[in-house]
Structures are given as C-alpha cells and as structure tokens.
Protein backbone atom coordinates (compact mmCIF):
# COMPACT_ATOMS: atom_id res chain seq x y z
CA MET A 1 -45.84 62.56 -60.56
CA THR A 2 -42.48 62.33 -59.57
CA GLU A 3 -39.92 64.81 -60.04
CA PRO A 4 -36.77 63.95 -61.78
CA GLY A 5 -34.37 64.23 -58.92
CA GLY A 6 -37.05 63.74 -56.34
CA ASP A 7 -37.64 60.98 -53.96
CA GLN A 8 -37.92 57.73 -55.70
CA GLU A 9 -38.27 54.60 -53.89
CA ARG A 10 -34.95 52.97 -53.71
CA PRO A 11 -34.63 49.42 -52.69
CA GLU A 12 -32.79 49.22 -49.41
CA ARG A 13 -29.53 47.54 -49.43
CA ALA A 14 -29.30 44.41 -47.37
CA PRO A 15 -26.42 44.42 -44.93
CA ARG A 16 -23.51 42.59 -46.29
CA LYS A 17 -22.81 39.30 -44.59
CA ARG A 18 -19.27 38.57 -43.87
CA PRO A 19 -18.26 35.09 -44.83
CA ALA A 20 -17.39 32.96 -41.80
CA PRO A 21 -13.74 32.15 -41.63
CA ARG A 22 -13.17 28.64 -42.83
CA ARG A 23 -11.87 26.39 -40.17
CA SER A 24 -10.65 22.94 -40.60
CA ARG A 25 -12.97 20.21 -39.39
CA PHE A 26 -10.11 18.97 -37.19
CA THR A 27 -9.86 22.17 -35.17
CA ARG A 28 -13.58 22.50 -34.46
CA GLY A 29 -15.66 19.50 -33.72
CA PHE A 30 -18.58 18.38 -31.68
CA MET A 31 -20.45 21.30 -30.09
CA GLY A 32 -17.80 23.72 -31.23
CA GLN A 33 -14.99 22.34 -29.06
CA THR A 34 -11.44 21.84 -30.15
CA THR A 35 -9.91 18.41 -30.31
CA THR A 36 -7.53 19.18 -27.45
CA ARG A 37 -10.36 20.30 -25.22
CA ARG A 38 -12.37 17.18 -26.02
CA ALA A 39 -9.36 15.01 -25.19
CA ALA A 40 -8.90 16.83 -21.87
CA ILE A 41 -12.57 16.36 -20.98
CA LEU A 42 -12.41 12.69 -21.94
CA ALA A 43 -9.27 12.18 -19.84
CA THR A 44 -10.94 13.88 -16.86
CA ILE A 45 -14.00 11.64 -17.19
CA VAL A 46 -11.85 8.50 -17.46
CA CYS A 47 -9.83 9.51 -14.35
CA ALA A 48 -13.00 10.22 -12.39
CA LEU A 49 -14.43 6.83 -13.35
CA ALA A 50 -11.17 5.06 -12.46
CA LEU A 51 -11.04 6.75 -9.05
CA SER A 52 -14.68 6.02 -8.34
CA ILE A 53 -14.13 2.34 -9.18
CA ALA A 54 -10.75 1.93 -7.43
CA VAL A 55 -11.94 2.27 -3.81
CA PRO A 56 -14.83 -0.20 -4.03
CA LEU A 57 -12.64 -2.62 -5.98
CA ARG A 58 -9.92 -2.48 -3.34
CA THR A 59 -12.52 -3.02 -0.62
CA TYR A 60 -13.99 -5.98 -2.51
CA LEU A 61 -10.59 -7.61 -3.00
CA SER A 62 -9.54 -7.18 0.63
CA GLN A 63 -12.86 -8.56 1.87
CA ARG A 64 -12.56 -11.51 -0.51
CA ASP A 65 -9.11 -12.32 0.90
CA GLU A 66 -10.41 -12.01 4.44
CA VAL A 67 -13.33 -14.33 3.70
CA ALA A 68 -10.95 -16.91 2.21
CA ALA A 69 -8.72 -16.73 5.30
CA GLN A 70 -11.72 -17.16 7.60
CA GLU A 71 -12.92 -20.14 5.57
CA ARG A 72 -9.49 -21.79 5.89
CA LEU A 73 -9.51 -21.13 9.64
CA GLN A 74 -13.00 -22.57 9.90
CA ALA A 75 -11.94 -25.71 8.00
CA GLU A 76 -8.94 -26.17 10.33
CA ARG A 77 -11.14 -25.81 13.39
CA ARG A 78 -13.68 -28.25 12.04
CA ALA A 79 -10.88 -30.77 11.49
CA LEU A 80 -9.70 -30.18 15.07
CA VAL A 81 -13.22 -30.69 16.41
CA GLN A 82 -13.47 -33.90 14.39
CA ARG A 83 -10.19 -35.21 15.86
CA LEU A 84 -11.29 -34.29 19.39
CA GLU A 85 -14.64 -36.01 18.87
CA GLU A 86 -12.80 -39.17 17.76
CA ARG A 87 -10.52 -38.97 20.81
CA LYS A 88 -13.55 -38.51 23.05
CA ALA A 89 -15.12 -41.61 21.54
CA GLN A 90 -11.90 -43.56 22.17
CA LEU A 91 -11.76 -42.47 25.79
CA ALA A 92 -15.36 -43.54 26.36
CA ASP A 93 -14.08 -47.14 26.45
CA PRO A 94 -12.88 -48.11 29.98
CA ALA A 95 -10.22 -50.42 28.51
CA GLN A 96 -8.71 -47.49 26.63
CA ILE A 97 -8.63 -45.39 29.79
CA GLN A 98 -6.89 -48.20 31.65
CA ALA A 99 -4.31 -48.58 28.86
CA GLU A 100 -3.64 -44.82 28.86
CA ALA A 101 -3.20 -44.82 32.65
CA ARG A 102 -0.71 -47.70 32.46
CA ARG A 103 1.24 -46.19 29.62
CA ARG A 104 1.30 -42.50 30.53
CA LEU A 105 0.97 -42.54 34.30
CA ARG A 106 2.56 -45.95 34.98
CA TYR A 107 -0.34 -47.16 37.05
CA VAL A 108 -0.51 -50.82 38.04
CA MET A 109 -3.43 -52.90 39.14
CA PRO A 110 -3.60 -54.05 42.76
CA GLY A 111 -1.56 -57.18 43.21
CA GLU A 112 0.76 -56.53 40.23
CA THR A 113 4.45 -55.94 40.74
CA PRO A 114 5.84 -53.12 38.59
CA TYR A 115 9.31 -53.51 37.09
CA MET A 116 11.40 -50.73 35.56
CA VAL A 117 14.15 -51.88 33.22
CA GLN A 118 17.14 -49.58 33.10
CA LEU A 119 19.72 -49.80 30.39
CA PRO A 120 23.37 -48.86 31.08
CA GLY A 121 22.99 -45.46 29.34
CA ASP A 122 19.81 -44.63 31.26
CA VAL A 123 21.34 -44.41 34.74
CA GLY A 124 19.66 -41.61 36.62
CA VAL A 125 17.46 -40.69 33.70
CA GLU A 126 13.72 -41.07 33.98
CA SER A 127 11.85 -41.68 30.78
CA GLY A 128 10.12 -38.60 29.46
CA ARG A 129 12.66 -36.21 30.95
CA GLN A 130 15.77 -34.75 29.45
CA PRO A 131 19.04 -36.01 30.90
CA THR A 132 20.73 -33.49 33.13
CA ALA A 133 24.24 -32.37 32.39
CA PRO A 134 26.90 -33.79 34.68
CA ALA A 135 27.80 -31.42 37.45
CA GLY A 136 31.02 -29.46 37.01
CA PRO A 137 33.70 -28.94 39.61
CA GLU A 138 32.36 -27.82 42.91
CA GLN A 139 33.73 -24.28 43.23
CA PRO A 140 32.02 -20.89 43.63
CA TRP A 141 31.33 -18.78 40.55
CA PHE A 142 33.73 -16.03 41.57
CA GLN A 143 36.58 -18.56 41.78
CA SER A 144 35.80 -19.68 38.21
CA LEU A 145 35.79 -16.04 37.11
CA TRP A 146 39.11 -15.32 38.80
CA ASN A 147 40.69 -18.41 37.31
CA SER A 148 39.55 -17.43 33.81
CA ILE A 149 41.06 -13.94 34.27
CA THR A 150 44.38 -15.24 35.52
CA GLU A 151 44.57 -17.87 32.75
CA SER A 152 44.01 -15.31 30.01
CA ARG A 153 47.18 -13.37 30.92
C-alpha cells in the first residue's frame, strides 16, 4: 500500500528535442555542403582536368606538326631521287654523254675544226661568264681619294 504522498511511480519525462533550424534547400545541398562550396570544388576539379589534358594535348599537336613536316621533306627527297634516277638513266647512253661534253665542255671529235662565233657585243666575253667592267683610269687609290677630297671643297 502506498502512502498518499509517498513514492509513486512517475513516468520519466523524455528529454525535449529541439527542432532543427529550418534551412533553405538552396543553402544546404548534397552531403551537407553549401552551394558555394560545391561550385568551388567543381571549379577545382574542372581546372585539374584541364591542366592534366593540356600538356598531353600540346605534345600531341606538336608531334603531329613535326610528323607532317617530316612527311613533306620525305616526299621532296623522293622526288629528288626520282629526278636523279632519270638523269642517271639519260647519262647511261653514250650519245647523251657525247652531246653533254660538246655542249658544256666544248669538246670536239678528232679531225673536226671548232669555230667560235663572236658577235660585236661579245668582244672579250666568254660564254658562261659575266662580262667584266671596263677598267677605270689607271691611277693609285690614294690619288683618287685625294682628288675626291680636293673636289669637295
């Protein structure tokens, strides 16, 4: 029997829960991060990806340009080799060699009489050479210098 003012079983009070402050869904987002923080993280990731792609891309582009230049050089050299092979085939003919010797070296066959035709403007000029300038007055250089000084007064 219980006494009127005695110990009665009282239900214990549960601790009062404080209501969580209401935050806008725009200020807190994924994994409890703010929008600004998410944007900063995203910008950092994008910059890291751009930097990690930039160096290999630059290397690829420079190597591609170098390969194209080498291919052009190779094509030019192949064309040169082709021309030289054709010239070699031409010079394999003895008649061609004889014609080249007559034309370029002015060779004549034994018993032939060579003739050189000179036109009036070609006096003293050999074909294949530049004409020399006519010689000036025959005086020493210091005399020319002195005359130019005295004439300038």
